């Protein structure tokens, strides 16, 4: 009892508590002067079951029982009393016990949620990573890779990549394939055969990402031999699992490689029904021209409208022209003008409001400000993908400049895998890969500016 009373007098909830500024991880923190806990008992007699439980846990927690400290912290966390929760998580960390690692992790994630300063965010992310949080490990790797919130250090980035690979290897998923093929992996070249073998095994077992990935590799001859028949095989594996990317890729292959617009329409319809704007536009073009399907201008207009609503640029111009001329819809000058105004003049060939009646491949648009660039010299922008299977550059010095002093970059057939970065440079320095404003683009889609 004497120990409990003494503890009550020297331990606090730290209600003014954990400092808001940068801190070191809990075990490195200097012990602070504690204010008394007498206020805990200077209140009316506790009557509710929750209050009684809280009182019982307090008595155990101030007697240095880690399990009670964690339980008490959980109560305060659920009640959104974050400073009290943090205090008891820290006490559990300092006093050890079977849940020490969990307490450390809880503490660091709580601090991360409250941090705003980049240095604090990095510190607590890394601390959570060191105590087993997988998401934090990925973020720590990316921070080191990109030099964001911390000085760029590819050696440290690879160290965290190795930890992630070791974790994923325990129960392999497609994530392991991505990690093995990561461009910072010094063993990447050696890992390619095993990564591809794992992708095939996962694809045959029902991994939609693995199946799509193998289809893409065969379609474009990246890492694997270019083989359209094999690309179709793997895309159909992914299509069996209702993958929009696979539907769209199959449609494009049948249209561009075999001139089979009936098959193309079949696959575009599947992805169009799942609200894919590229597929909606392409299916509309087929109905507009009567290729692979019976010509149906009303259906074409309806599909253009759906694609235009979600931002598809070519759908806007086609629909504008249909309303302007009363084709497939009732003539309506106001709607025509509305769609004309929403149209982005992204290349010289379409500045005169010409309808776009060609099937589009998978096109992704990126809008980049050029306010600080001198277009009198060659300026290249390059898209890089984390797995090192995609790289494409555009000379923006010849692109039309929009009213807001920006240009639109078009990249074709980008696989929606991993992370993308946009880099700039001249033709001779293209591969220096100077990152622009830490831009990372993941799974971006056409027309969504």
Protein backbone atom coordinates (compact mmCIF):
# COMPACT_ATOMS: atom_id res chain seq x y z
CA UNK A 1 0.00 0.00 0.00
CA UNK A 2 2.84 2.35 0.86
CA UNK A 3 4.26 1.80 -2.64
CA UNK A 4 0.88 2.60 -4.19
CA UNK A 5 0.50 5.82 -2.17
CA UNK A 6 4.03 6.85 -3.06
CA UNK A 7 3.35 6.11 -6.71
CA UNK A 8 0.21 8.21 -6.61
CA UNK A 9 2.22 11.15 -5.38
CA UNK A 10 4.94 10.92 -8.01
CA UNK A 11 3.25 9.71 -11.23
CA UNK A 12 1.07 11.85 -13.46
CA UNK A 13 -1.25 11.63 -16.38
CA UNK A 14 0.84 14.38 -17.93
CA UNK A 15 -2.28 16.36 -18.71
CA UNK A 16 -0.13 19.21 -19.81
CA UNK A 17 1.90 16.30 -20.86
CA UNK A 18 3.96 15.11 -23.77
CA UNK A 19 5.59 18.05 -25.44
CA UNK A 20 4.32 19.11 -28.85
CA UNK A 21 7.78 19.71 -30.30
CA UNK A 22 10.30 17.19 -31.66
CA UNK A 23 10.96 14.30 -29.31
CA UNK A 24 13.19 11.32 -29.13
CA UNK A 25 11.65 7.84 -28.97
CA UNK A 26 10.18 6.84 -25.56
CA UNK A 27 13.06 4.75 -24.22
CA UNK A 28 15.45 7.62 -24.94
CA UNK A 29 13.31 10.26 -23.21
CA UNK A 30 14.60 11.70 -19.99
CA UNK A 31 12.27 11.09 -17.05
CA UNK A 32 10.26 14.22 -16.35
CA UNK A 33 9.10 15.57 -13.00
CA UNK A 34 5.70 14.02 -12.32
CA UNK A 35 2.78 15.94 -10.89
CA UNK A 36 0.53 14.21 -8.31
CA UNK A 37 -2.40 12.05 -9.31
CA UNK A 38 -4.49 13.13 -6.35
CA UNK A 39 -7.02 14.75 -8.70
CA UNK A 40 -8.01 11.28 -9.86
CA UNK A 41 -9.68 10.61 -6.54
CA UNK A 42 -10.95 14.13 -5.88
CA UNK A 43 -14.24 13.46 -7.66
CA UNK A 44 -17.66 11.97 -6.76
CA UNK A 45 -17.84 8.29 -5.92
CA UNK A 46 -17.53 6.23 -9.08
CA UNK A 47 -20.68 4.30 -9.89
CA UNK A 48 -20.68 3.16 -13.54
CA UNK A 49 -19.06 -0.13 -14.50
CA UNK A 50 -16.70 1.69 -16.87
CA UNK A 51 -15.66 4.11 -14.10
CA UNK A 52 -15.11 1.26 -11.66
CA UNK A 53 -12.98 -0.55 -14.24
CA UNK A 54 -10.99 2.62 -14.85
CA UNK A 55 -10.36 3.06 -11.12
CA UNK A 56 -9.24 -0.55 -10.75
CA UNK A 57 -6.90 -0.25 -13.71
CA UNK A 58 -5.46 3.00 -12.36
CA UNK A 59 -4.54 1.31 -9.07
CA UNK A 60 -2.78 -1.49 -10.96
CA UNK A 61 -1.21 0.83 -13.51
CA UNK A 62 0.40 3.11 -10.92
CA UNK A 63 1.80 -0.04 -9.32
CA UNK A 64 3.72 -0.57 -12.60
CA UNK A 65 1.54 -3.34 -14.08
CA UNK A 66 2.22 -3.12 -17.87
CA UNK A 67 -0.97 -5.00 -18.80
CA UNK A 68 -3.09 -2.55 -16.81
CA UNK A 69 -1.19 0.38 -18.28
CA UNK A 70 -1.92 -0.82 -21.82
CA UNK A 71 -5.58 -1.51 -20.99
CA UNK A 72 -5.91 1.97 -19.48
CA UNK A 73 -4.24 3.52 -22.51
CA UNK A 74 -6.69 1.71 -24.79
CA UNK A 75 -9.63 3.14 -22.83
CA UNK A 76 -8.29 6.67 -23.14
CA UNK A 77 -7.48 6.18 -26.81
CA UNK A 78 -11.05 5.09 -27.51
CA UNK A 79 -12.32 8.12 -25.55
CA UNK A 80 -10.08 10.37 -27.67
CA UNK A 81 -8.05 11.41 -24.61
CA UNK A 82 -4.80 11.15 -26.52
CA UNK A 83 -2.41 12.69 -23.99
CA UNK A 84 -3.54 10.30 -21.27
CA UNK A 85 -3.32 7.39 -23.70
CA UNK A 86 0.19 8.39 -24.71
CA UNK A 87 1.30 8.65 -21.09
CA UNK A 88 0.18 5.13 -20.21
CA UNK A 89 1.57 3.63 -23.41
CA UNK A 90 4.90 5.20 -22.48
CA UNK A 91 4.67 3.81 -18.94
CA UNK A 92 4.03 0.33 -20.41
CA UNK A 93 7.07 0.72 -22.62
CA UNK A 94 9.28 1.70 -19.69
CA UNK A 95 8.06 -1.11 -17.45
CA UNK A 96 8.28 -3.88 -20.00
CA UNK A 97 6.01 -6.89 -19.94
CA UNK A 98 4.72 -9.31 -22.53
CA UNK A 99 3.08 -6.53 -24.60
CA UNK A 100 6.04 -4.17 -24.62
CA UNK A 101 6.50 -4.24 -28.41
CA UNK A 102 2.81 -3.55 -28.94
CA UNK A 103 2.97 -0.66 -26.48
CA UNK A 104 5.99 0.85 -28.23
CA UNK A 105 4.24 0.57 -31.56
CA UNK A 106 1.04 2.09 -30.22
CA UNK A 107 3.00 4.95 -28.69
CA UNK A 108 4.90 5.73 -31.89
CA UNK A 109 1.80 5.56 -34.09
CA UNK A 110 -0.02 7.88 -31.70
CA UNK A 111 2.84 10.37 -31.86
CA UNK A 112 2.97 10.05 -35.65
CA UNK A 113 -0.74 10.90 -35.89
CA UNK A 114 -0.12 14.09 -33.89
CA UNK A 115 3.05 15.19 -35.69
CA UNK A 116 3.11 17.95 -38.28
CA UNK A 117 6.79 18.82 -38.53
CA UNK A 118 8.50 16.73 -41.29
CA UNK A 119 11.34 15.75 -38.93
CA UNK A 120 8.88 14.50 -36.32
CA UNK A 121 6.87 12.61 -38.94
CA UNK A 122 10.00 10.88 -40.19
CA UNK A 123 11.25 10.09 -36.68
CA UNK A 124 8.02 8.49 -35.51
CA UNK A 125 7.48 6.69 -38.82
CA UNK A 126 10.94 5.16 -38.54
CA UNK A 127 10.37 4.30 -34.89
CA UNK A 128 7.12 2.49 -35.77
CA UNK A 129 8.97 0.76 -38.61
CA UNK A 130 11.67 -0.44 -36.25
CA UNK A 131 9.00 -2.05 -34.10
CA UNK A 132 7.30 -4.00 -36.83
CA UNK A 133 4.73 -1.77 -38.55
CA UNK A 134 4.85 -2.80 -42.23
CA UNK A 135 3.20 0.35 -43.55
CA UNK A 136 5.74 2.45 -41.64
CA UNK A 137 8.58 0.36 -43.08
CA UNK A 138 7.37 1.10 -46.63
CA UNK A 139 7.11 4.81 -45.87
CA UNK A 140 10.56 4.87 -44.29
CA UNK A 141 12.00 3.20 -47.38
CA UNK A 142 10.34 5.77 -49.64
CA UNK A 143 11.48 8.70 -47.49
CA UNK A 144 15.09 7.55 -47.79
CA UNK A 145 14.71 6.75 -51.49
CA UNK A 146 13.27 10.11 -52.43
CA UNK A 147 15.05 12.31 -49.89
CA UNK A 148 11.74 13.41 -48.43
CA UNK A 149 11.65 14.48 -44.76
CA UNK A 150 15.21 13.12 -44.46
CA UNK A 151 18.43 13.27 -46.47
CA UNK A 152 18.35 10.91 -49.46
CA UNK A 153 20.11 7.65 -48.63
CA UNK A 154 19.70 4.71 -51.03
CA UNK A 155 21.72 2.42 -48.77
CA UNK A 156 19.19 2.98 -45.97
CA UNK A 157 16.32 2.64 -48.47
CA UNK A 158 17.65 -0.75 -49.57
CA UNK A 159 18.02 -1.85 -45.95
CA UNK A 160 14.31 -1.26 -45.41
CA UNK A 161 13.52 -2.91 -48.72
CA UNK A 162 15.37 -6.03 -47.50
CA UNK A 163 13.26 -6.04 -44.32
CA UNK A 164 10.08 -5.87 -46.36
CA UNK A 165 11.26 -8.69 -48.63
CA UNK A 166 12.04 -10.88 -45.61
CA UNK A 167 8.59 -10.20 -44.19
CA UNK A 168 6.76 -10.86 -47.46
CA UNK A 169 8.75 -14.05 -48.10
CA UNK A 170 7.06 -15.69 -45.10
CA UNK A 171 3.75 -15.72 -46.96
CA UNK A 172 4.41 -14.72 -50.59
CA UNK A 173 1.95 -12.49 -52.40
CA UNK A 174 2.34 -10.32 -55.51
CA UNK A 175 3.84 -7.71 -53.20
CA UNK A 176 6.97 -9.86 -53.00
CA UNK A 177 7.29 -9.80 -56.80
CA UNK A 178 7.16 -6.01 -56.75
CA UNK A 179 9.76 -5.78 -53.99
CA UNK A 180 12.13 -8.23 -55.65
CA UNK A 181 12.02 -6.17 -58.85
CA UNK A 182 12.39 -2.82 -57.13
CA UNK A 183 15.04 -0.71 -58.84
CA UNK A 184 16.95 -0.01 -55.60
CA UNK A 185 17.36 -3.73 -55.00
CA UNK A 186 21.03 -4.51 -55.64
CA UNK A 187 20.02 -8.13 -56.32
CA UNK A 188 17.32 -7.14 -58.79
CA UNK A 189 18.93 -8.72 -61.87
CA UNK A 190 19.49 -11.99 -60.02
CA UNK A 191 15.93 -11.88 -58.67
CA UNK A 192 14.19 -11.42 -62.02
CA UNK A 193 13.86 -15.18 -62.84
CA UNK A 194 12.56 -16.07 -59.38
CA UNK A 195 10.25 -13.04 -59.33
CA UNK A 196 8.74 -14.02 -62.70
CA UNK A 197 8.40 -17.64 -61.55
CA UNK A 198 6.60 -16.48 -58.40
CA UNK A 199 4.34 -14.21 -60.47
CA UNK A 200 3.33 -17.17 -62.67
CA UNK A 201 2.65 -19.36 -59.63
CA UNK A 202 0.53 -16.64 -58.03
CA UNK A 203 -1.32 -15.91 -61.28
CA UNK A 204 -2.25 -19.57 -61.73
CA UNK A 205 -3.46 -19.55 -58.10
CA UNK A 206 -5.77 -16.59 -58.63
CA UNK A 207 -3.71 -13.40 -58.15
CA UNK A 208 -5.26 -10.82 -60.46
CA UNK A 209 -2.30 -8.43 -60.12
CA UNK A 210 0.18 -11.16 -61.03
CA UNK A 211 -1.86 -12.23 -64.07
CA UNK A 212 -2.23 -8.67 -65.34
CA UNK A 213 1.48 -8.02 -64.73
CA UNK A 214 2.52 -11.05 -66.82
CA UNK A 215 0.13 -10.02 -69.60
CA UNK A 216 1.61 -6.53 -69.66
CA UNK A 217 5.19 -7.84 -69.74
CA UNK A 218 4.43 -10.08 -72.73
CA UNK A 219 2.44 -7.39 -74.53
CA UNK A 220 5.28 -4.86 -74.43
CA UNK A 221 8.31 -7.16 -74.19
CA UNK A 222 9.54 -5.85 -70.84
CA UNK A 223 11.50 -8.44 -68.80
CA UNK A 224 9.88 -11.15 -70.93
CA UNK A 225 9.79 -11.81 -74.68
CA UNK A 226 7.08 -9.92 -76.53
CA UNK A 227 4.36 -12.48 -77.23
CA UNK A 228 0.79 -11.33 -77.89
CA UNK A 229 -0.62 -14.87 -77.58
CA UNK A 230 0.84 -15.21 -74.09
CA UNK A 231 -0.29 -11.68 -73.24
CA UNK A 232 -3.86 -12.65 -74.12
CA UNK A 233 -3.56 -15.83 -72.03
CA UNK A 234 -2.56 -13.92 -68.89
CA UNK A 235 -4.97 -11.04 -69.48
CA UNK A 236 -7.81 -13.56 -69.73
CA UNK A 237 -6.69 -15.03 -66.39
CA UNK A 238 -7.07 -11.55 -64.89
CA UNK A 239 -10.33 -10.99 -66.79
CA UNK A 240 -11.79 -14.09 -65.14
CA UNK A 241 -11.47 -12.11 -61.90
CA UNK A 242 -13.28 -9.06 -63.38
CA UNK A 243 -10.17 -6.91 -63.73
CA UNK A 244 -10.91 -3.65 -65.60
CA UNK A 245 -7.30 -3.32 -66.79
CA UNK A 246 -7.42 -6.77 -68.36
CA UNK A 247 -10.75 -6.08 -70.11
CA UNK A 248 -9.37 -2.88 -71.60
CA UNK A 249 -6.04 -4.44 -72.60
CA UNK A 250 -7.75 -7.37 -74.33
CA UNK A 251 -10.01 -4.98 -76.22
CA UNK A 252 -7.05 -2.92 -77.41
CA UNK A 253 -5.13 -6.02 -78.54
CA UNK A 254 -8.09 -7.37 -80.55
CA UNK A 255 -8.60 -3.95 -82.13
CA UNK A 256 -4.98 -3.04 -82.88
CA UNK A 257 -3.36 -6.44 -83.53
CA UNK A 258 -6.21 -8.39 -85.13
CA UNK A 259 -8.62 -5.69 -86.39
CA UNK A 260 -11.33 -7.66 -84.62
CA UNK A 261 -13.67 -4.88 -83.50
CA UNK A 262 -16.42 -7.31 -82.53
CA UNK A 263 -14.14 -8.86 -79.89
CA UNK A 264 -12.88 -5.38 -78.95
CA UNK A 265 -16.46 -4.19 -78.37
CA UNK A 266 -17.13 -7.28 -76.21
CA UNK A 267 -14.24 -6.48 -73.86
CA UNK A 268 -14.77 -2.71 -73.88
CA UNK A 269 -18.39 -3.24 -72.88
CA UNK A 270 -17.31 -5.21 -69.81
CA UNK A 271 -15.02 -2.44 -68.55
CA UNK A 272 -17.39 0.34 -69.66
CA UNK A 273 -20.07 -1.23 -67.46
CA UNK A 274 -17.62 -0.88 -64.58
CA UNK A 275 -17.41 2.90 -65.22
CA UNK A 276 -14.02 2.89 -66.97
CA UNK A 277 -13.94 6.14 -68.95
CA UNK A 278 -11.42 5.02 -71.59
CA UNK A 279 -13.58 1.99 -72.37
CA UNK A 280 -16.75 4.09 -72.41
CA UNK A 281 -15.17 6.40 -74.96
CA UNK A 282 -13.81 3.60 -77.15
CA UNK A 283 -17.09 1.70 -77.12
CA UNK A 284 -18.86 4.95 -78.04
CA UNK A 285 -16.53 5.36 -81.04
CA UNK A 286 -17.37 1.81 -82.20
CA UNK A 287 -21.11 2.58 -81.96
CA UNK A 288 -20.54 5.97 -83.61
CA UNK A 289 -18.83 4.34 -86.61
CA UNK A 290 -20.70 1.03 -86.59
CA UNK A 291 -17.52 -1.04 -86.24
CA UNK A 292 -17.91 -4.42 -84.52
CA UNK A 293 -21.45 -3.39 -83.52
CA UNK A 294 -24.51 -1.99 -85.28
CA UNK A 295 -24.21 1.77 -85.73
CA UNK A 296 -26.16 3.47 -82.93
CA UNK A 297 -25.59 7.21 -82.50
CA UNK A 298 -27.92 7.45 -79.49
CA UNK A 299 -25.94 4.81 -77.60
CA UNK A 300 -22.70 6.48 -78.70
CA UNK A 301 -23.88 9.82 -77.27
CA UNK A 302 -24.88 8.19 -73.98
CA UNK A 303 -21.45 6.59 -73.64
CA UNK A 304 -19.66 9.83 -74.58
CA UNK A 305 -21.68 11.59 -71.89
CA UNK A 306 -20.62 9.09 -69.22
CA UNK A 307 -16.96 9.40 -70.19
CA UNK A 308 -17.17 13.21 -70.45
CA UNK A 309 -18.76 13.43 -66.99
CA UNK A 310 -15.67 11.80 -65.44
CA UNK A 311 -13.30 14.01 -67.41
CA UNK A 312 -12.47 12.23 -70.66
CA UNK A 313 -11.22 14.96 -72.99
CA UNK A 314 -12.01 13.45 -76.40
CA UNK A 315 -15.50 12.47 -75.21
CA UNK A 316 -16.17 16.14 -74.48
CA UNK A 317 -15.32 17.29 -77.99
CA UNK A 318 -17.29 14.47 -79.65
CA UNK A 319 -20.34 15.15 -77.50
CA UNK A 320 -20.05 18.89 -78.13
CA UNK A 321 -20.12 18.29 -81.88
CA UNK A 322 -23.09 15.93 -81.57
CA UNK A 323 -25.12 18.55 -79.67
CA UNK A 324 -24.00 21.30 -82.06
CA UNK A 325 -25.23 19.34 -85.09
CA UNK A 326 -28.09 17.32 -83.57
CA UNK A 327 -26.39 13.95 -84.19
CA UNK A 328 -27.77 11.18 -81.97
CA UNK A 329 -29.21 13.83 -79.64
CA UNK A 330 -31.51 16.82 -79.93
CA UNK A 331 -29.67 19.90 -81.16
CA UNK A 332 -28.67 22.04 -78.18
CA UNK A 333 -26.27 24.96 -78.64
CA UNK A 334 -25.98 25.63 -74.90
CA UNK A 335 -24.89 22.06 -74.11
CA UNK A 336 -22.57 22.09 -77.09
CA UNK A 337 -20.90 25.24 -75.79
CA UNK A 338 -20.68 23.75 -72.30
CA UNK A 339 -18.78 20.71 -73.57
CA UNK A 340 -16.61 22.85 -75.86
CA UNK A 341 -15.62 24.98 -72.85
CA UNK A 342 -14.65 21.86 -70.88
CA UNK A 343 -12.38 20.66 -73.65
CA UNK A 344 -8.60 20.91 -73.08
CA UNK A 345 -6.59 21.73 -76.22
CA UNK A 346 -3.80 19.29 -75.52
CA UNK A 347 -2.32 18.94 -78.98
CA UNK A 348 -2.21 20.96 -82.19
CA UNK A 349 -4.17 18.40 -84.24
CA UNK A 350 -7.34 18.92 -82.21
CA UNK A 351 -7.34 22.68 -81.70
CA UNK A 352 -10.06 23.18 -84.34
CA UNK A 353 -12.66 21.21 -82.37
CA UNK A 354 -12.43 18.15 -84.61
CA UNK A 355 -14.21 15.01 -83.42
CA UNK A 356 -11.91 12.25 -82.23
CA UNK A 357 -13.07 8.99 -83.80
CA UNK A 358 -10.04 6.77 -83.24
CA UNK A 359 -9.88 4.05 -80.62
CA UNK A 360 -7.53 5.21 -77.86
CA UNK A 361 -4.97 2.98 -76.16
CA UNK A 362 -4.60 3.33 -72.39
CA UNK A 363 -3.70 7.01 -72.23
CA UNK A 364 -2.79 8.77 -69.01
CA UNK A 365 -2.59 12.54 -68.81
CA UNK A 366 -0.41 14.51 -66.41
CA UNK A 367 -0.83 18.26 -66.07
CA UNK A 368 2.45 20.03 -65.21
CA UNK A 369 3.04 23.73 -64.53
CA UNK A 370 5.81 25.22 -66.69
CA UNK A 371 5.88 28.64 -65.02
CA UNK A 372 9.59 28.33 -64.19
CA UNK A 373 10.74 26.71 -67.43
CA UNK A 374 12.30 28.26 -70.51
CA UNK A 375 10.67 26.56 -73.49
CA UNK A 376 13.20 28.07 -75.88
CA UNK A 377 15.45 25.13 -74.97
CA UNK A 378 14.63 21.45 -74.96
CA UNK A 379 12.84 20.42 -71.79
CA UNK A 380 12.10 16.74 -71.32
CA UNK A 381 9.82 15.18 -68.77
CA UNK A 382 10.25 11.49 -68.08
CA UNK A 383 7.91 9.10 -66.31
CA UNK A 384 9.61 6.38 -64.27
CA UNK A 385 7.97 3.41 -62.63
CA UNK A 386 9.31 1.87 -59.42
CA UNK A 387 9.70 -1.64 -60.77
CA UNK A 388 11.95 -0.40 -63.54
CA UNK A 389 9.72 -1.86 -66.27
CA UNK A 390 8.41 1.44 -67.65
CA UNK A 391 10.16 4.64 -68.70
CA UNK A 392 8.92 7.17 -71.22
CA UNK A 393 9.99 10.72 -72.07
CA UNK A 394 8.31 13.68 -73.74
CA UNK A 395 9.90 16.80 -75.21
CA UNK A 396 7.60 19.50 -73.81
CA UNK A 397 9.28 22.36 -75.68
CA UNK A 398 6.93 21.74 -78.63
CA UNK A 399 3.69 21.22 -76.68
CA UNK A 400 0.95 23.90 -76.65
CA UNK A 401 0.78 25.89 -73.43
CA UNK A 402 -2.60 26.12 -71.66
CA UNK A 403 -4.03 29.34 -70.25
CA UNK A 404 -2.88 28.49 -66.72
CA UNK A 405 0.74 28.22 -67.96
CA UNK A 406 0.83 24.43 -67.95
CA UNK A 407 1.15 21.61 -70.44
CA UNK A 408 -0.49 18.21 -70.66
CA UNK A 409 1.77 15.16 -70.90
CA UNK A 410 0.33 12.03 -72.51
CA UNK A 411 1.77 8.64 -71.63
CA UNK A 412 0.46 5.54 -73.37
CA UNK A 413 -0.13 2.09 -71.89
CA UNK A 414 1.18 2.76 -68.40
CA UNK A 415 0.84 -0.28 -66.11
CA UNK A 416 -0.97 0.63 -62.88
CA UNK A 417 1.64 -1.04 -60.70
CA UNK A 418 4.03 0.36 -58.12
CA UNK A 419 4.79 4.06 -57.83
CA UNK A 420 5.54 6.63 -60.51
CA UNK A 421 7.75 9.69 -60.45
CA UNK A 422 8.00 12.50 -62.98
CA UNK A 423 11.51 13.75 -63.73
CA UNK A 424 12.89 16.61 -65.80
CA UNK A 425 16.05 17.30 -67.76
CA UNK A 426 17.51 17.98 -71.20
CA UNK A 427 17.94 15.23 -73.74
CA UNK A 428 21.57 14.73 -72.68
CA UNK A 429 20.76 14.65 -68.95
CA UNK A 430 17.53 12.70 -69.24
CA UNK A 431 18.61 9.89 -66.95
CA UNK A 432 19.72 12.07 -64.08
CA UNK A 433 16.14 11.78 -62.87
CA UNK A 434 15.87 14.99 -60.88
CA UNK A 435 12.57 14.65 -59.04
CA UNK A 436 10.10 17.50 -59.52
CA UNK A 437 8.50 18.68 -56.30
CA UNK A 438 8.59 15.13 -54.94
CA UNK A 439 5.78 14.28 -57.35
CA UNK A 440 4.62 10.70 -56.96
CA UNK A 441 1.73 9.53 -59.11
CA UNK A 442 0.04 6.25 -58.36
CA UNK A 443 -2.68 4.78 -60.56
CA UNK A 444 -3.62 8.11 -62.14
CA UNK A 445 -6.19 8.01 -64.91
CA UNK A 446 -6.84 9.85 -68.14
CA UNK A 447 -8.47 13.25 -67.94
CA UNK A 448 -8.49 13.59 -64.16
CA UNK A 449 -6.54 16.82 -63.78
